[in-house]
């Protein structure tokens, strides 16, 4: 079963963030807890870890702004 990769809320007032970059390629294999992508909010840039292990399927575009909770990919 696939696990959605969502843009997390990293701060009390965060409502959206910019997908700064993917740290892995589409189709790459990743282990839970490894750095997956980075996001920029009003105050900082943070790396986000993989929520599961498996093959990464990217749908989010670097440089685009997404609302918190938006699905930007999946891990199967």
PDB file of N, CA and C in Angstrom:
ATOM      1  N   UNK A   1       0.834  -1.182   0.000  1.00  0.00           N
ATOM      2  CA  UNK A   1       0.000   0.000   0.000  1.00  0.00           C
ATOM      3  C   UNK A   1       0.880   1.246   0.000  1.00  0.00           C
ATOM      4  N   UNK A   2       0.518   2.227  -0.782  1.00  0.00           N
ATOM      5  CA  UNK A   2       1.307   3.454  -0.905  1.00  0.00           C
ATOM      6  C   UNK A   2       1.097   4.365   0.303  1.00  0.00           C
ATOM      7  N   UNK A   3       2.145   5.075   0.666  1.00  0.00           N
ATOM      8  CA  UNK A   3       2.092   6.087   1.710  1.00  0.00           C
ATOM      9  C   UNK A   3       2.212   7.449   1.041  1.00  0.00           C
ATOM     10  N   UNK A   4       1.262   8.339   1.306  1.00  0.00           N
ATOM     11  CA  UNK A   4       1.311   9.677   0.738  1.00  0.00           C
ATOM     12  C   UNK A   4       2.442  10.486   1.365  1.00  0.00           C
ATOM     13  N   UNK A   5       3.101  11.285   0.548  1.00  0.00           N
ATOM     14  CA  UNK A   5       4.080  12.260   1.023  1.00  0.00           C
ATOM     15  C   UNK A   5       3.338  13.589   1.051  1.00  0.00           C
ATOM     16  N   UNK A   6       3.181  14.149   2.244  1.00  0.00           N
ATOM     17  CA  UNK A   6       2.424  15.402   2.359  1.00  0.00           C
ATOM     18  C   UNK A   6       3.320  16.528   2.850  1.00  0.00           C
ATOM     19  N   UNK A   7       2.935  17.747   2.507  1.00  0.00           N
ATOM     20  CA  UNK A   7       3.648  18.915   3.000  1.00  0.00           C
ATOM     21  C   UNK A   7       3.232  19.117   4.462  1.00  0.00           C
ATOM     22  N   UNK A   8       4.187  18.992   5.393  1.00  0.00           N
ATOM     23  CA  UNK A   8       3.833  19.088   6.809  1.00  0.00           C
ATOM     24  C   UNK A   8       3.740  20.522   7.318  1.00  0.00           C
ATOM     25  N   UNK A   9       3.108  20.669   8.453  1.00  0.00           N
ATOM     26  CA  UNK A   9       3.055  21.960   9.137  1.00  0.00           C
ATOM     27  C   UNK A   9       4.257  22.028  10.068  1.00  0.00           C
ATOM     28  N   UNK A  10       5.152  22.981   9.828  1.00  0.00           N
ATOM     29  CA  UNK A  10       6.372  23.096  10.626  1.00  0.00           C
ATOM     30  C   UNK A  10       6.369  24.426  11.365  1.00  0.00           C
ATOM     31  N   UNK A  11       5.415  24.651  12.137  1.00  0.00           N
ATOM     32  CA  UNK A  11       5.314  25.903  12.885  1.00  0.00           C
ATOM     33  C   UNK A  11       3.854  26.221  13.094  1.00  0.00           C
ATOM     34  N   UNK A  12       3.591  26.916  14.170  1.00  0.00           N
ATOM     35  CA  UNK A  12       2.216  27.184  14.582  1.00  0.00           C
ATOM     36  C   UNK A  12       1.404  27.897  13.515  1.00  0.00           C
ATOM     37  N   UNK A  13       1.999  28.888  12.854  1.00  0.00           N
ATOM     38  CA  UNK A  13       1.234  29.711  11.919  1.00  0.00           C
ATOM     39  C   UNK A  13       1.422  29.314  10.451  1.00  0.00           C
ATOM     40  N   UNK A  14       2.157  28.251  10.185  1.00  0.00           N
ATOM     41  CA  UNK A  14       2.427  27.860   8.800  1.00  0.00           C
ATOM     42  C   UNK A  14       1.157  27.346   8.123  1.00  0.00           C
ATOM     43  N   UNK A  15       0.822  27.922   6.975  1.00  0.00           N
ATOM     44  CA  UNK A  15      -0.330  27.463   6.192  1.00  0.00           C
ATOM     45  C   UNK A  15       0.085  26.967   4.813  1.00  0.00           C
ATOM     46  N   UNK A  16       1.282  27.365   4.369  1.00  0.00           N
ATOM     47  CA  UNK A  16       1.805  26.925   3.075  1.00  0.00           C
ATOM     48  C   UNK A  16       3.321  26.979   3.108  1.00  0.00           C
ATOM     49  N   UNK A  17       3.940  26.307   2.151  1.00  0.00           N
ATOM     50  CA  UNK A  17       5.394  26.304   2.053  1.00  0.00           C
ATOM     51  C   UNK A  17       5.815  26.048   0.625  1.00  0.00           C
ATOM     52  N   UNK A  18       7.057  26.361   0.345  1.00  0.00           N
ATOM     53  CA  UNK A  18       7.626  26.147  -0.985  1.00  0.00           C
ATOM     54  C   UNK A  18       8.419  24.851  -0.967  1.00  0.00           C
ATOM     55  N   UNK A  19       8.133  23.975  -1.912  1.00  0.00           N
ATOM     56  CA  UNK A  19       8.921  22.757  -2.075  1.00  0.00           C
ATOM     57  C   UNK A  19      10.252  23.182  -2.676  1.00  0.00           C
ATOM     58  N   UNK A  20      11.283  23.257  -1.841  1.00  0.00           N
ATOM     59  CA  UNK A  20      12.575  23.780  -2.277  1.00  0.00           C
ATOM     60  C   UNK A  20      13.282  22.807  -3.218  1.00  0.00           C
ATOM     61  N   UNK A  21      13.397  21.539  -2.801  1.00  0.00           N
ATOM     62  CA  UNK A  21      14.050  20.541  -3.644  1.00  0.00           C
ATOM     63  C   UNK A  21      13.778  19.139  -3.140  1.00  0.00           C
ATOM     64  N   UNK A  22      13.794  18.213  -4.065  1.00  0.00           N
ATOM     65  CA  UNK A  22      13.752  16.791  -3.728  1.00  0.00           C
ATOM     66  C   UNK A  22      15.186  16.352  -3.499  1.00  0.00           C
ATOM     67  N   UNK A  23      15.428  15.560  -2.478  1.00  0.00           N
ATOM     68  CA  UNK A  23      16.768  15.086  -2.156  1.00  0.00           C
ATOM     69  C   UNK A  23      17.022  13.696  -2.719  1.00  0.00           C
ATOM     70  N   UNK A  24      16.018  13.140  -3.406  1.00  0.00           N
ATOM     71  CA  UNK A  24      16.131  11.852  -4.107  1.00  0.00           C
ATOM     72  C   UNK A  24      15.473  12.003  -5.477  1.00  0.00           C
ATOM     73  N   UNK A  25      15.783  11.094  -6.375  1.00  0.00           N
ATOM     74  CA  UNK A  25      15.195  11.099  -7.713  1.00  0.00           C
ATOM     75  C   UNK A  25      13.885  10.325  -7.722  1.00  0.00           C
ATOM     76  N   UNK A  26      13.008  10.658  -8.659  1.00  0.00           N
ATOM     77  CA  UNK A  26      11.785   9.900  -8.859  1.00  0.00           C
ATOM     78  C   UNK A  26      12.169   8.455  -9.186  1.00  0.00           C
ATOM     79  N   UNK A  27      11.547   7.502  -8.515  1.00  0.00           N
ATOM     80  CA  UNK A  27      11.840   6.092  -8.732  1.00  0.00           C
ATOM     81  C   UNK A  27      12.922   5.533  -7.831  1.00  0.00           C
ATOM     82  N   UNK A  28      13.535   6.390  -7.016  1.00  0.00           N
ATOM     83  CA  UNK A  28      14.585   5.941  -6.102  1.00  0.00           C
ATOM     84  C   UNK A  28      13.988   5.135  -4.957  1.00  0.00           C
ATOM     85  N   UNK A  29      14.803   4.296  -4.377  1.00  0.00           N
ATOM     86  CA  UNK A  29      14.408   3.534  -3.195  1.00  0.00           C
ATOM     87  C   UNK A  29      14.917   4.287  -1.968  1.00  0.00           C
ATOM     88  N   UNK A  30      14.046   4.415  -0.971  1.00  0.00           N
ATOM     89  CA  UNK A  30      14.402   5.163   0.238  1.00  0.00           C
ATOM     90  C   UNK A  30      13.974   4.370   1.464  1.00  0.00           C
ATOM     91  N   UNK A  31      14.659   4.621   2.568  1.00  0.00           N
ATOM     92  CA  UNK A  31      14.302   3.998   3.837  1.00  0.00           C
ATOM     93  C   UNK A  31      13.642   5.042   4.730  1.00  0.00           C
ATOM     94  N   UNK A  32      12.682   4.599   5.516  1.00  0.00           N
ATOM     95  CA  UNK A  32      12.002   5.485   6.454  1.00  0.00           C
ATOM     96  C   UNK A  32      13.019   6.231   7.304  1.00  0.00           C
ATOM     97  N   UNK A  33      12.833   7.550   7.433  1.00  0.00           N
ATOM     98  CA  UNK A  33      13.712   8.370   8.253  1.00  0.00           C
ATOM     99  C   UNK A  33      14.830   9.054   7.485  1.00  0.00           C
ATOM    100  N   UNK A  34      15.079   8.642   6.235  1.00  0.00           N
ATOM    101  CA  UNK A  34      16.105   9.298   5.432  1.00  0.00           C
ATOM    102  C   UNK A  34      15.584  10.629   4.897  1.00  0.00           C
ATOM    103  N   UNK A  35      16.468  11.612   4.689  1.00  0.00           N
ATOM    104  CA  UNK A  35      16.030  12.902   4.129  1.00  0.00           C
ATOM    105  C   UNK A  35      15.397  12.706   2.752  1.00  0.00           C
ATOM    106  N   UNK A  36      14.222  13.299   2.550  1.00  0.00           N
ATOM    107  CA  UNK A  36      13.462  13.088   1.317  1.00  0.00           C
ATOM    108  C   UNK A  36      13.350  14.375   0.483  1.00  0.00           C
ATOM    109  N   UNK A  37      13.018  15.488   1.125  1.00  0.00           N
ATOM    110  CA  UNK A  37      12.894  16.767   0.423  1.00  0.00           C
ATOM    111  C   UNK A  37      13.070  17.905   1.415  1.00  0.00           C
ATOM    112  N   UNK A  38      13.220  19.116   0.899  1.00  0.00           N
ATOM    113  CA  UNK A  38      13.295  20.280   1.785  1.00  0.00           C
ATOM    114  C   UNK A  38      12.206  21.265   1.407  1.00  0.00           C
ATOM    115  N   UNK A  39      11.710  21.958   2.425  1.00  0.00           N
ATOM    116  CA  UNK A  39      10.676  22.976   2.218  1.00  0.00           C
ATOM    117  C   UNK A  39      11.123  24.285   2.844  1.00  0.00           C
ATOM    118  N   UNK A  40      10.646  25.362   2.252  1.00  0.00           N
ATOM    119  CA  UNK A  40      10.914  26.699   2.772  1.00  0.00           C
ATOM    120  C   UNK A  40       9.609  27.290   3.277  1.00  0.00           C
ATOM    121  N   UNK A  41       9.644  27.811   4.496  1.00  0.00           N
ATOM    122  CA  UNK A  41       8.493  28.529   5.039  1.00  0.00           C
ATOM    123  C   UNK A  41       8.924  29.976   5.241  1.00  0.00           C
ATOM    124  N   UNK A  42       8.081  30.771   5.848  1.00  0.00           N
ATOM    125  CA  UNK A  42       8.401  32.179   6.065  1.00  0.00           C
ATOM    126  C   UNK A  42       9.707  32.374   6.836  1.00  0.00           C
ATOM    127  N   UNK A  43       9.989  31.468   7.746  1.00  0.00           N
ATOM    128  CA  UNK A  43      11.095  31.696   8.664  1.00  0.00           C
ATOM    129  C   UNK A  43      12.290  30.773   8.497  1.00  0.00           C
ATOM    130  N   UNK A  44      12.146  29.645   7.777  1.00  0.00           N
ATOM    131  CA  UNK A  44      13.254  28.697   7.725  1.00  0.00           C
ATOM    132  C   UNK A  44      13.132  27.730   6.547  1.00  0.00           C
ATOM    133  N   UNK A  45      14.222  26.974   6.343  1.00  0.00           N
ATOM    134  CA  UNK A  45      14.228  25.867   5.389  1.00  0.00           C
ATOM    135  C   UNK A  45      14.482  24.606   6.188  1.00  0.00           C
ATOM    136  N   UNK A  46      13.643  23.590   5.970  1.00  0.00           N
ATOM    137  CA  UNK A  46      13.745  22.343   6.732  1.00  0.00           C
ATOM    138  C   UNK A  46      13.772  21.149   5.809  1.00  0.00           C
ATOM    139  N   UNK A  47      14.571  20.135   6.190  1.00  0.00           N
ATOM    140  CA  UNK A  47      14.534  18.855   5.490  1.00  0.00           C
ATOM    141  C   UNK A  47      13.431  18.007   6.113  1.00  0.00           C
ATOM    142  N   UNK A  48      12.742  17.260   5.272  1.00  0.00           N
ATOM    143  CA  UNK A  48      11.675  16.389   5.739  1.00  0.00           C
ATOM    144  C   UNK A  48      12.094  14.941   5.459  1.00  0.00           C
ATOM    145  N   UNK A  49      11.910  14.084   6.456  1.00  0.00           N
ATOM    146  CA  UNK A  49      12.296  12.680   6.339  1.00  0.00           C
ATOM    147  C   UNK A  49      11.195  11.852   5.693  1.00  0.00           C
ATOM    148  N   UNK A  50      11.592  10.759   5.087  1.00  0.00           N
ATOM    149  CA  UNK A  50      10.650   9.832   4.464  1.00  0.00           C
ATOM    150  C   UNK A  50       9.762   9.205   5.543  1.00  0.00           C
ATOM    151  N   UNK A  51       8.440   9.188   5.317  1.00  0.00           N
ATOM    152  CA  UNK A  51       7.527   8.607   6.298  1.00  0.00           C
ATOM    153  C   UNK A  51       7.440   7.075   6.214  1.00  0.00           C
ATOM    154  N   UNK A  52       8.059   6.485   5.189  1.00  0.00           N
ATOM    155  CA  UNK A  52       8.004   5.034   4.994  1.00  0.00           C
ATOM    156  C   UNK A  52       9.178   4.618   4.120  1.00  0.00           C
ATOM    157  N   UNK A  53       9.380   3.320   3.987  1.00  0.00           N
ATOM    158  CA  UNK A  53      10.411   2.784   3.099  1.00  0.00           C
ATOM    159  C   UNK A  53       9.764   2.311   1.811  1.00  0.00           C
ATOM    160  N   UNK A  54      10.496   2.436   0.698  1.00  0.00           N
ATOM    161  CA  UNK A  54       9.986   1.955  -0.575  1.00  0.00           C
ATOM    162  C   UNK A  54      10.474   2.793  -1.739  1.00  0.00           C
ATOM    163  N   UNK A  55       9.716   2.756  -2.834  1.00  0.00           N
ATOM    164  CA  UNK A  55      10.052   3.479  -4.056  1.00  0.00           C
ATOM    165  C   UNK A  55       9.313   4.814  -4.077  1.00  0.00           C
ATOM    166  N   UNK A  56      10.063   5.880  -4.344  1.00  0.00           N
ATOM    167  CA  UNK A  56       9.518   7.234  -4.331  1.00  0.00           C
ATOM    168  C   UNK A  56       8.888   7.574  -5.687  1.00  0.00           C
ATOM    169  N   UNK A  57       7.665   8.124  -5.639  1.00  0.00           N
ATOM    170  CA  UNK A  57       6.975   8.622  -6.828  1.00  0.00           C
ATOM    171  C   UNK A  57       6.673  10.098  -6.587  1.00  0.00           C
ATOM    172  N   UNK A  58       7.339  10.969  -7.337  1.00  0.00           N
ATOM    173  CA  UNK A  58       7.268  12.414  -7.140  1.00  0.00           C
ATOM    174  C   UNK A  58       6.183  13.039  -8.005  1.00  0.00           C
ATOM    175  N   UNK A  59       5.349  13.890  -7.392  1.00  0.00           N
ATOM    176  CA  UNK A  59       4.367  14.670  -8.155  1.00  0.00           C
ATOM    177  C   UNK A  59       4.541  16.164  -7.917  1.00  0.00           C
ATOM    178  N   UNK A  60       5.088  16.551  -6.771  1.00  0.00           N
ATOM    179  CA  UNK A  60       5.301  17.959  -6.453  1.00  0.00           C
ATOM    180  C   UNK A  60       6.462  18.544  -7.234  1.00  0.00           C
ATOM    181  N   UNK A  61       6.333  19.803  -7.633  1.00  0.00           N
ATOM    182  CA  UNK A  61       7.333  20.491  -8.454  1.00  0.00           C
ATOM    183  C   UNK A  61       8.157  21.441  -7.592  1.00  0.00           C
ATOM    184  N   UNK A  62       9.483  21.300  -7.582  1.00  0.00           N
ATOM    185  CA  UNK A  62      10.325  22.224  -6.829  1.00  0.00           C
ATOM    186  C   UNK A  62      10.087  23.672  -7.267  1.00  0.00           C
ATOM    187  N   UNK A  63      10.062  24.571  -6.281  1.00  0.00           N
ATOM    188  CA  UNK A  63       9.830  25.980  -6.552  1.00  0.00           C
ATOM    189  C   UNK A  63       8.370  26.386  -6.442  1.00  0.00           C
ATOM    190  N   UNK A  64       7.464  25.398  -6.412  1.00  0.00           N
ATOM    191  CA  UNK A  64       6.033  25.679  -6.301  1.00  0.00           C
ATOM    192  C   UNK A  64       5.627  25.797  -4.833  1.00  0.00           C
ATOM    193  N   UNK A  65       4.603  26.598  -4.575  1.00  0.00           N
ATOM    194  CA  UNK A  65       4.055  26.766  -3.231  1.00  0.00           C
ATOM    195  C   UNK A  65       2.851  25.852  -3.067  1.00  0.00           C
ATOM    196  N   UNK A  66       2.819  25.125  -1.943  1.00  0.00           N
ATOM    197  CA  UNK A  66       1.726  24.193  -1.649  1.00  0.00           C
ATOM    198  C   UNK A  66       1.158  24.485  -0.267  1.00  0.00           C
ATOM    199  N   UNK A  67      -0.124  24.239  -0.098  1.00  0.00           N
ATOM    200  CA  UNK A  67      -0.755  24.361   1.212  1.00  0.00           C
ATOM    201  C   UNK A  67      -0.348  23.178   2.081  1.00  0.00           C
ATOM    202  N   UNK A  68      -0.304  23.403   3.397  1.00  0.00           N
ATOM    203  CA  UNK A  68      -0.016  22.320   4.346  1.00  0.00           C
ATOM    204  C   UNK A  68      -1.035  21.204   4.109  1.00  0.00           C
ATOM    205  N   UNK A  69      -0.550  19.968   4.074  1.00  0.00           N
ATOM    206  CA  UNK A  69      -1.420  18.809   3.873  1.00  0.00           C
ATOM    207  C   UNK A  69      -1.559  18.367   2.432  1.00  0.00           C
ATOM    208  N   UNK A  70      -0.993  19.128   1.486  1.00  0.00           N
ATOM    209  CA  UNK A  70      -1.060  18.766   0.065  1.00  0.00           C
ATOM    210  C   UNK A  70      -0.193  17.529  -0.189  1.00  0.00           C
ATOM    211  N   UNK A  71      -0.706  16.579  -0.950  1.00  0.00           N
ATOM    212  CA  UNK A  71       0.065  15.392  -1.331  1.00  0.00           C
ATOM    213  C   UNK A  71       1.025  15.790  -2.455  1.00  0.00           C
ATOM    214  N   UNK A  72       2.318  15.588  -2.230  1.00  0.00           N
ATOM    215  CA  UNK A  72       3.329  15.960  -3.216  1.00  0.00           C
ATOM    216  C   UNK A  72       4.063  14.740  -3.777  1.00  0.00           C
ATOM    217  N   UNK A  73       3.607  13.563  -3.412  1.00  0.00           N
ATOM    218  CA  UNK A  73       4.207  12.338  -3.905  1.00  0.00           C
ATOM    219  C   UNK A  73       3.733  11.152  -3.101  1.00  0.00           C
ATOM    220  N   UNK A  74       4.337   9.999  -3.377  1.00  0.00           N
ATOM    221  CA  UNK A  74       3.986   8.795  -2.617  1.00  0.00           C
ATOM    222  C   UNK A  74       5.198   7.866  -2.544  1.00  0.00           C
ATOM    223  N   UNK A  75       5.123   6.942  -1.619  1.00  0.00           N
ATOM    224  CA  UNK A  75       6.144   5.902  -1.463  1.00  0.00           C
ATOM    225  C   UNK A  75       5.416   4.574  -1.476  1.00  0.00           C
ATOM    226  N   UNK A  76       5.824   3.696  -2.389  1.00  0.00           N
ATOM    227  CA  UNK A  76       5.182   2.368  -2.492  1.00  0.00           C
ATOM    228  C   UNK A  76       6.144   1.289  -2.049  1.00  0.00           C
TER     229      UNK A  76
END
